[in-house]
Amino acid sequence: MWLDAHRHRRHCIGLASSGVGLGDEVIVPTNTCVPTATGIRMVGARPVPVDIYPDTLMMDISQTKRAVSAKTKAIIPFIYGAPVDLNPLLALNIPIVEDCAQAHGCLYHAQGWNFRRSVLF
């Protein structure tokens, strides 16, 4: 129960380590959880919701690209136990903070998680 009540803190750590702060924007899918948005607000940034693909419930990549602005400092794709297509997001050269809740044992292109990015379990 304690970990669940303080889940937003892991987002704060991931965002702060990516340089996100006051006045910045963080792109999230519309179906993200409350601790994600809370963590973004706690570092002084603003969540920018983008739509999802209805068949996969994953972040819509074209919507994400359109939401990018000069204030965008990070993207948090929500995973639901399956990874969003990270390659187009990585091509944007914006830090990715992966919320890997429910994604233990998940593979991306037949490999485990790539810890060059901020990965939160």
N, C-alpha and C. Protein backbone atom coordinates (compact mmCIF):
# COMPACT_ATOMS: atom_id res chain seq x y z
N MET A 1 0.81 -1.19 0.00
CA MET A 1 0.00 0.00 0.00
C MET A 1 0.86 1.26 0.00
N TRP A 2 1.93 1.30 0.78
CA TRP A 2 2.77 2.48 0.85
C TRP A 2 3.38 2.78 -0.52
N LEU A 3 3.88 1.75 -1.21
CA LEU A 3 4.50 1.98 -2.51
C LEU A 3 3.49 2.54 -3.50
N ASP A 4 2.27 2.01 -3.47
CA ASP A 4 1.25 2.49 -4.38
C ASP A 4 0.90 3.95 -4.08
N ALA A 5 0.83 4.30 -2.81
CA ALA A 5 0.47 5.66 -2.43
C ALA A 5 1.56 6.66 -2.81
N HIS A 6 2.77 6.21 -3.03
CA HIS A 6 3.89 7.12 -3.34
C HIS A 6 4.51 6.82 -4.70
N ARG A 7 3.73 6.22 -5.59
CA ARG A 7 4.22 5.87 -6.92
C ARG A 7 4.66 7.08 -7.72
N HIS A 8 4.02 8.22 -7.50
CA HIS A 8 4.36 9.42 -8.26
C HIS A 8 5.81 9.85 -8.02
N ARG A 9 6.38 9.44 -6.90
CA ARG A 9 7.77 9.83 -6.60
C ARG A 9 8.76 9.23 -7.58
N ARG A 10 8.48 8.03 -8.06
CA ARG A 10 9.40 7.43 -9.04
C ARG A 10 9.38 8.23 -10.33
N HIS A 11 8.21 8.79 -10.68
CA HIS A 11 8.14 9.65 -11.87
C HIS A 11 8.93 10.94 -11.65
N CYS A 12 8.85 11.48 -10.45
CA CYS A 12 9.62 12.70 -10.13
C CYS A 12 11.10 12.45 -10.32
N ILE A 13 11.59 11.32 -9.84
CA ILE A 13 13.01 10.99 -9.96
C ILE A 13 13.40 10.84 -11.42
N GLY A 14 12.60 10.09 -12.19
CA GLY A 14 12.88 9.89 -13.61
C GLY A 14 12.86 11.19 -14.39
N LEU A 15 11.89 12.04 -14.09
CA LEU A 15 11.78 13.32 -14.80
C LEU A 15 12.91 14.27 -14.41
N ALA A 16 13.17 14.39 -13.12
CA ALA A 16 14.23 15.29 -12.66
C ALA A 16 15.58 14.86 -13.22
N SER A 17 15.82 13.55 -13.30
CA SER A 17 17.10 13.07 -13.84
C SER A 17 17.20 13.31 -15.34
N SER A 18 16.07 13.55 -15.99
CA SER A 18 16.06 13.88 -17.42
C SER A 18 16.08 15.38 -17.66
N GLY A 19 16.16 16.18 -16.58
CA GLY A 19 16.25 17.62 -16.71
C GLY A 19 14.91 18.33 -16.83
N VAL A 20 13.82 17.65 -16.50
CA VAL A 20 12.49 18.27 -16.59
C VAL A 20 12.24 19.10 -15.34
N GLY A 21 11.71 20.31 -15.54
CA GLY A 21 11.45 21.18 -14.40
C GLY A 21 10.36 22.19 -14.67
N LEU A 22 10.39 23.26 -13.94
CA LEU A 22 9.36 24.30 -13.97
C LEU A 22 9.13 24.85 -15.38
N GLY A 23 7.88 24.82 -15.80
CA GLY A 23 7.50 25.37 -17.10
C GLY A 23 7.66 24.43 -18.27
N ASP A 24 8.24 23.26 -18.05
CA ASP A 24 8.42 22.30 -19.13
C ASP A 24 7.13 21.52 -19.39
N GLU A 25 7.10 20.81 -20.50
CA GLU A 25 5.96 19.96 -20.85
C GLU A 25 6.44 18.52 -21.01
N VAL A 26 5.56 17.59 -20.62
CA VAL A 26 5.84 16.16 -20.74
C VAL A 26 4.65 15.53 -21.45
N ILE A 27 4.91 14.86 -22.56
CA ILE A 27 3.84 14.23 -23.32
C ILE A 27 3.50 12.87 -22.72
N VAL A 28 2.21 12.64 -22.51
CA VAL A 28 1.71 11.38 -21.95
C VAL A 28 0.49 10.94 -22.75
N PRO A 29 0.18 9.64 -22.76
CA PRO A 29 -1.06 9.21 -23.41
C PRO A 29 -2.27 9.60 -22.56
N THR A 30 -3.41 9.76 -23.19
CA THR A 30 -4.61 10.16 -22.47
C THR A 30 -5.03 9.14 -21.43
N ASN A 31 -4.65 7.90 -21.59
CA ASN A 31 -5.05 6.85 -20.65
C ASN A 31 -3.99 6.58 -19.58
N THR A 32 -3.17 7.56 -19.29
CA THR A 32 -2.15 7.39 -18.27
C THR A 32 -2.78 7.37 -16.88
N CYS A 33 -2.01 6.96 -15.90
CA CYS A 33 -2.55 6.88 -14.54
C CYS A 33 -2.28 8.18 -13.78
N VAL A 34 -3.00 8.38 -12.71
CA VAL A 34 -2.90 9.61 -11.92
C VAL A 34 -1.48 9.84 -11.39
N PRO A 35 -0.77 8.82 -10.87
CA PRO A 35 0.58 9.10 -10.37
C PRO A 35 1.54 9.66 -11.43
N THR A 36 1.33 9.31 -12.68
CA THR A 36 2.18 9.86 -13.74
C THR A 36 1.96 11.36 -13.85
N ALA A 37 0.71 11.79 -13.95
CA ALA A 37 0.41 13.22 -14.05
C ALA A 37 0.84 13.96 -12.78
N THR A 38 0.65 13.33 -11.63
CA THR A 38 1.05 13.95 -10.36
C THR A 38 2.55 14.16 -10.31
N GLY A 39 3.31 13.16 -10.72
CA GLY A 39 4.77 13.28 -10.74
C GLY A 39 5.23 14.40 -11.65
N ILE A 40 4.58 14.56 -12.79
CA ILE A 40 4.92 15.64 -13.71
C ILE A 40 4.66 16.99 -13.06
N ARG A 41 3.51 17.13 -12.43
CA ARG A 41 3.16 18.40 -11.76
C ARG A 41 4.10 18.69 -10.59
N MET A 42 4.54 17.64 -9.90
CA MET A 42 5.40 17.84 -8.73
C MET A 42 6.77 18.40 -9.09
N VAL A 43 7.23 18.19 -10.33
CA VAL A 43 8.51 18.79 -10.74
C VAL A 43 8.28 20.14 -11.42
N GLY A 44 7.03 20.62 -11.45
CA GLY A 44 6.73 21.93 -12.01
C GLY A 44 6.40 21.93 -13.49
N ALA A 45 6.30 20.76 -14.07
CA ALA A 45 6.01 20.67 -15.51
C ALA A 45 4.51 20.46 -15.73
N ARG A 46 4.12 20.46 -16.99
CA ARG A 46 2.72 20.31 -17.36
C ARG A 46 2.55 19.07 -18.24
N PRO A 47 1.62 18.16 -17.86
CA PRO A 47 1.36 17.01 -18.73
C PRO A 47 0.62 17.44 -19.99
N VAL A 48 1.03 16.91 -21.12
CA VAL A 48 0.38 17.18 -22.40
C VAL A 48 -0.17 15.85 -22.91
N PRO A 49 -1.49 15.64 -22.81
CA PRO A 49 -2.05 14.36 -23.22
C PRO A 49 -2.18 14.24 -24.74
N VAL A 50 -1.89 13.05 -25.25
CA VAL A 50 -2.10 12.73 -26.66
C VAL A 50 -2.98 11.49 -26.74
N ASP A 51 -3.68 11.35 -27.84
CA ASP A 51 -4.60 10.24 -28.01
C ASP A 51 -3.86 8.91 -28.16
N ILE A 52 -4.62 7.84 -28.10
CA ILE A 52 -4.07 6.49 -28.17
C ILE A 52 -4.65 5.76 -29.38
N TYR A 53 -3.99 4.67 -29.77
CA TYR A 53 -4.55 3.79 -30.80
C TYR A 53 -5.63 2.95 -30.13
N PRO A 54 -6.86 2.95 -30.63
CA PRO A 54 -7.93 2.21 -29.96
C PRO A 54 -7.72 0.69 -29.95
N ASP A 55 -6.98 0.16 -30.92
CA ASP A 55 -6.78 -1.29 -30.97
C ASP A 55 -5.70 -1.79 -30.02
N THR A 56 -4.73 -0.94 -29.66
CA THR A 56 -3.64 -1.38 -28.78
C THR A 56 -3.63 -0.64 -27.44
N LEU A 57 -4.33 0.48 -27.36
CA LEU A 57 -4.33 1.37 -26.19
C LEU A 57 -2.96 2.01 -25.95
N MET A 58 -2.09 1.99 -26.95
CA MET A 58 -0.77 2.60 -26.85
C MET A 58 -0.81 4.02 -27.41
N MET A 59 0.16 4.81 -27.02
CA MET A 59 0.29 6.20 -27.46
C MET A 59 0.33 6.28 -28.99
N ASP A 60 -0.48 7.17 -29.54
CA ASP A 60 -0.51 7.39 -30.99
C ASP A 60 0.73 8.20 -31.37
N ILE A 61 1.59 7.61 -32.17
CA ILE A 61 2.87 8.23 -32.51
C ILE A 61 2.67 9.52 -33.31
N SER A 62 1.73 9.54 -34.26
CA SER A 62 1.52 10.75 -35.05
C SER A 62 0.99 11.89 -34.18
N GLN A 63 0.11 11.57 -33.23
CA GLN A 63 -0.38 12.58 -32.29
C GLN A 63 0.77 13.10 -31.41
N THR A 64 1.64 12.20 -31.02
CA THR A 64 2.78 12.57 -30.19
C THR A 64 3.68 13.55 -30.93
N LYS A 65 3.97 13.25 -32.19
CA LYS A 65 4.83 14.14 -32.98
C LYS A 65 4.21 15.53 -33.11
N ARG A 66 2.89 15.60 -33.27
CA ARG A 66 2.21 16.90 -33.40
C ARG A 66 2.21 17.67 -32.08
N ALA A 67 2.27 16.96 -30.96
CA ALA A 67 2.22 17.61 -29.65
C ALA A 67 3.56 18.20 -29.21
N VAL A 68 4.63 17.83 -29.89
CA VAL A 68 5.96 18.31 -29.51
C VAL A 68 6.04 19.83 -29.72
N SER A 69 6.57 20.52 -28.70
CA SER A 69 6.78 21.96 -28.78
C SER A 69 8.18 22.28 -28.24
N ALA A 70 8.51 23.54 -28.25
CA ALA A 70 9.80 23.96 -27.71
C ALA A 70 9.90 23.68 -26.22
N LYS A 71 8.76 23.54 -25.54
CA LYS A 71 8.75 23.28 -24.10
C LYS A 71 8.77 21.79 -23.76
N THR A 72 8.66 20.93 -24.76
CA THR A 72 8.63 19.47 -24.51
C THR A 72 10.00 19.00 -24.07
N LYS A 73 10.06 18.43 -22.87
CA LYS A 73 11.34 17.97 -22.32
C LYS A 73 11.38 16.46 -22.09
N ALA A 74 10.22 15.78 -22.19
CA ALA A 74 10.21 14.33 -22.00
C ALA A 74 8.90 13.75 -22.54
N ILE A 75 8.94 12.45 -22.79
CA ILE A 75 7.76 11.69 -23.20
C ILE A 75 7.67 10.49 -22.26
N ILE A 76 6.49 10.27 -21.71
CA ILE A 76 6.26 9.08 -20.87
C ILE A 76 5.22 8.20 -21.57
N PRO A 77 5.68 7.20 -22.34
CA PRO A 77 4.71 6.29 -22.93
C PRO A 77 4.25 5.28 -21.88
N PHE A 78 2.97 5.07 -21.79
CA PHE A 78 2.41 4.11 -20.84
C PHE A 78 2.37 2.77 -21.51
N ILE A 79 2.67 1.70 -20.81
CA ILE A 79 2.97 0.46 -21.49
C ILE A 79 1.91 -0.64 -21.36
N TYR A 80 1.21 -0.76 -20.26
CA TYR A 80 0.20 -1.81 -20.07
C TYR A 80 0.75 -3.21 -20.29
N GLY A 81 1.99 -3.43 -19.98
CA GLY A 81 2.57 -4.76 -20.14
C GLY A 81 3.08 -5.05 -21.53
N ALA A 82 2.96 -4.11 -22.45
CA ALA A 82 3.47 -4.27 -23.82
C ALA A 82 4.10 -2.93 -24.23
N PRO A 83 5.24 -2.97 -24.88
CA PRO A 83 5.91 -1.71 -25.21
C PRO A 83 5.28 -0.98 -26.39
N VAL A 84 5.23 0.33 -26.28
CA VAL A 84 4.87 1.18 -27.40
C VAL A 84 6.03 1.13 -28.39
N ASP A 85 5.81 1.46 -29.65
CA ASP A 85 6.88 1.48 -30.63
C ASP A 85 7.84 2.63 -30.29
N LEU A 86 8.96 2.31 -29.68
CA LEU A 86 9.88 3.32 -29.19
C LEU A 86 10.75 3.95 -30.27
N ASN A 87 11.02 3.25 -31.35
CA ASN A 87 11.93 3.79 -32.36
C ASN A 87 11.50 5.16 -32.90
N PRO A 88 10.23 5.37 -33.28
CA PRO A 88 9.86 6.72 -33.74
C PRO A 88 9.94 7.77 -32.63
N LEU A 89 9.71 7.36 -31.39
CA LEU A 89 9.83 8.30 -30.28
C LEU A 89 11.29 8.66 -30.04
N LEU A 90 12.17 7.68 -30.11
CA LEU A 90 13.60 7.94 -29.92
C LEU A 90 14.14 8.86 -31.01
N ALA A 91 13.57 8.76 -32.21
CA ALA A 91 14.02 9.60 -33.33
C ALA A 91 13.72 11.08 -33.08
N LEU A 92 12.81 11.38 -32.15
CA LEU A 92 12.48 12.77 -31.83
C LEU A 92 13.57 13.44 -30.99
N ASN A 93 14.51 12.66 -30.47
CA ASN A 93 15.59 13.17 -29.63
C ASN A 93 15.09 13.92 -28.40
N ILE A 94 14.03 13.39 -27.80
CA ILE A 94 13.46 13.90 -26.57
C ILE A 94 13.59 12.78 -25.55
N PRO A 95 14.04 13.06 -24.33
CA PRO A 95 14.18 11.97 -23.35
C PRO A 95 12.88 11.18 -23.16
N ILE A 96 13.03 9.87 -23.12
CA ILE A 96 11.92 8.95 -22.89
C ILE A 96 12.03 8.46 -21.45
N VAL A 97 10.97 8.63 -20.70
CA VAL A 97 10.88 8.09 -19.34
C VAL A 97 9.84 6.98 -19.41
N GLU A 98 10.30 5.74 -19.41
CA GLU A 98 9.40 4.61 -19.60
C GLU A 98 8.73 4.21 -18.30
N ASP A 99 7.42 4.24 -18.28
CA ASP A 99 6.63 3.74 -17.16
C ASP A 99 6.34 2.28 -17.47
N CYS A 100 7.09 1.40 -16.85
CA CYS A 100 7.00 -0.03 -17.16
C CYS A 100 6.11 -0.80 -16.18
N ALA A 101 5.13 -0.12 -15.59
CA ALA A 101 4.20 -0.81 -14.70
C ALA A 101 3.55 -1.96 -15.48
N GLN A 102 3.47 -3.10 -14.88
CA GLN A 102 2.87 -4.31 -15.45
C GLN A 102 3.66 -4.85 -16.64
N ALA A 103 4.90 -4.45 -16.81
CA ALA A 103 5.67 -4.88 -17.98
C ALA A 103 6.85 -5.79 -17.61
N HIS A 104 6.82 -6.41 -16.46
CA HIS A 104 7.91 -7.31 -16.07
C HIS A 104 7.98 -8.47 -17.06
N GLY A 105 9.16 -8.72 -17.59
CA GLY A 105 9.36 -9.80 -18.55
C GLY A 105 8.99 -9.42 -19.97
N CYS A 106 8.59 -8.20 -20.20
CA CYS A 106 8.22 -7.74 -21.53
C CYS A 106 9.46 -7.61 -22.41
N LEU A 107 9.32 -7.92 -23.68
CA LEU A 107 10.42 -7.80 -24.62
C LEU A 107 10.09 -6.75 -25.67
N TYR A 108 11.11 -6.06 -26.12
CA TYR A 108 10.97 -5.09 -27.21
C TYR A 108 11.94 -5.50 -28.30
N HIS A 109 11.43 -5.89 -29.46
CA HIS A 109 12.24 -6.42 -30.55
C HIS A 109 13.12 -7.58 -30.06
N ALA A 110 12.50 -8.49 -29.33
CA ALA A 110 13.13 -9.71 -28.81
C ALA A 110 14.26 -9.45 -27.81
N GLN A 111 14.32 -8.26 -27.23
CA GLN A 111 15.33 -7.95 -26.23
C GLN A 111 14.66 -7.40 -24.98
N GLY A 112 15.36 -7.50 -23.87
CA GLY A 112 14.88 -6.92 -22.62
C GLY A 112 14.99 -5.41 -22.67
N TRP A 113 14.66 -4.77 -21.57
CA TRP A 113 14.66 -3.31 -21.52
C TRP A 113 16.05 -2.74 -21.72
N ASN A 114 16.11 -1.63 -22.41
CA ASN A 114 17.35 -0.94 -22.69
C ASN A 114 17.52 0.14 -21.63
N PHE A 115 18.46 -0.01 -20.74
CA PHE A 115 18.60 0.91 -19.62
C PHE A 115 19.41 2.15 -19.95
N ARG A 116 19.51 2.50 -21.23
CA ARG A 116 20.11 3.80 -21.59
C ARG A 116 19.13 4.92 -21.34
N ARG A 117 17.85 4.58 -21.20
CA ARG A 117 16.81 5.55 -20.93
C ARG A 117 16.39 5.40 -19.48
N SER A 118 15.51 6.27 -19.04
CA SER A 118 14.97 6.18 -17.69
C SER A 118 13.81 5.19 -17.70
N VAL A 119 13.97 4.07 -17.01
CA VAL A 119 12.97 3.01 -16.99
C VAL A 119 12.49 2.85 -15.55
N LEU A 120 11.20 3.02 -15.34
CA LEU A 120 10.62 2.97 -13.99
C LEU A 120 9.72 1.74 -13.84
N PHE A 121 10.03 0.90 -12.85
CA PHE A 121 9.19 -0.26 -12.56
C PHE A 121 8.47 -0.03 -11.26
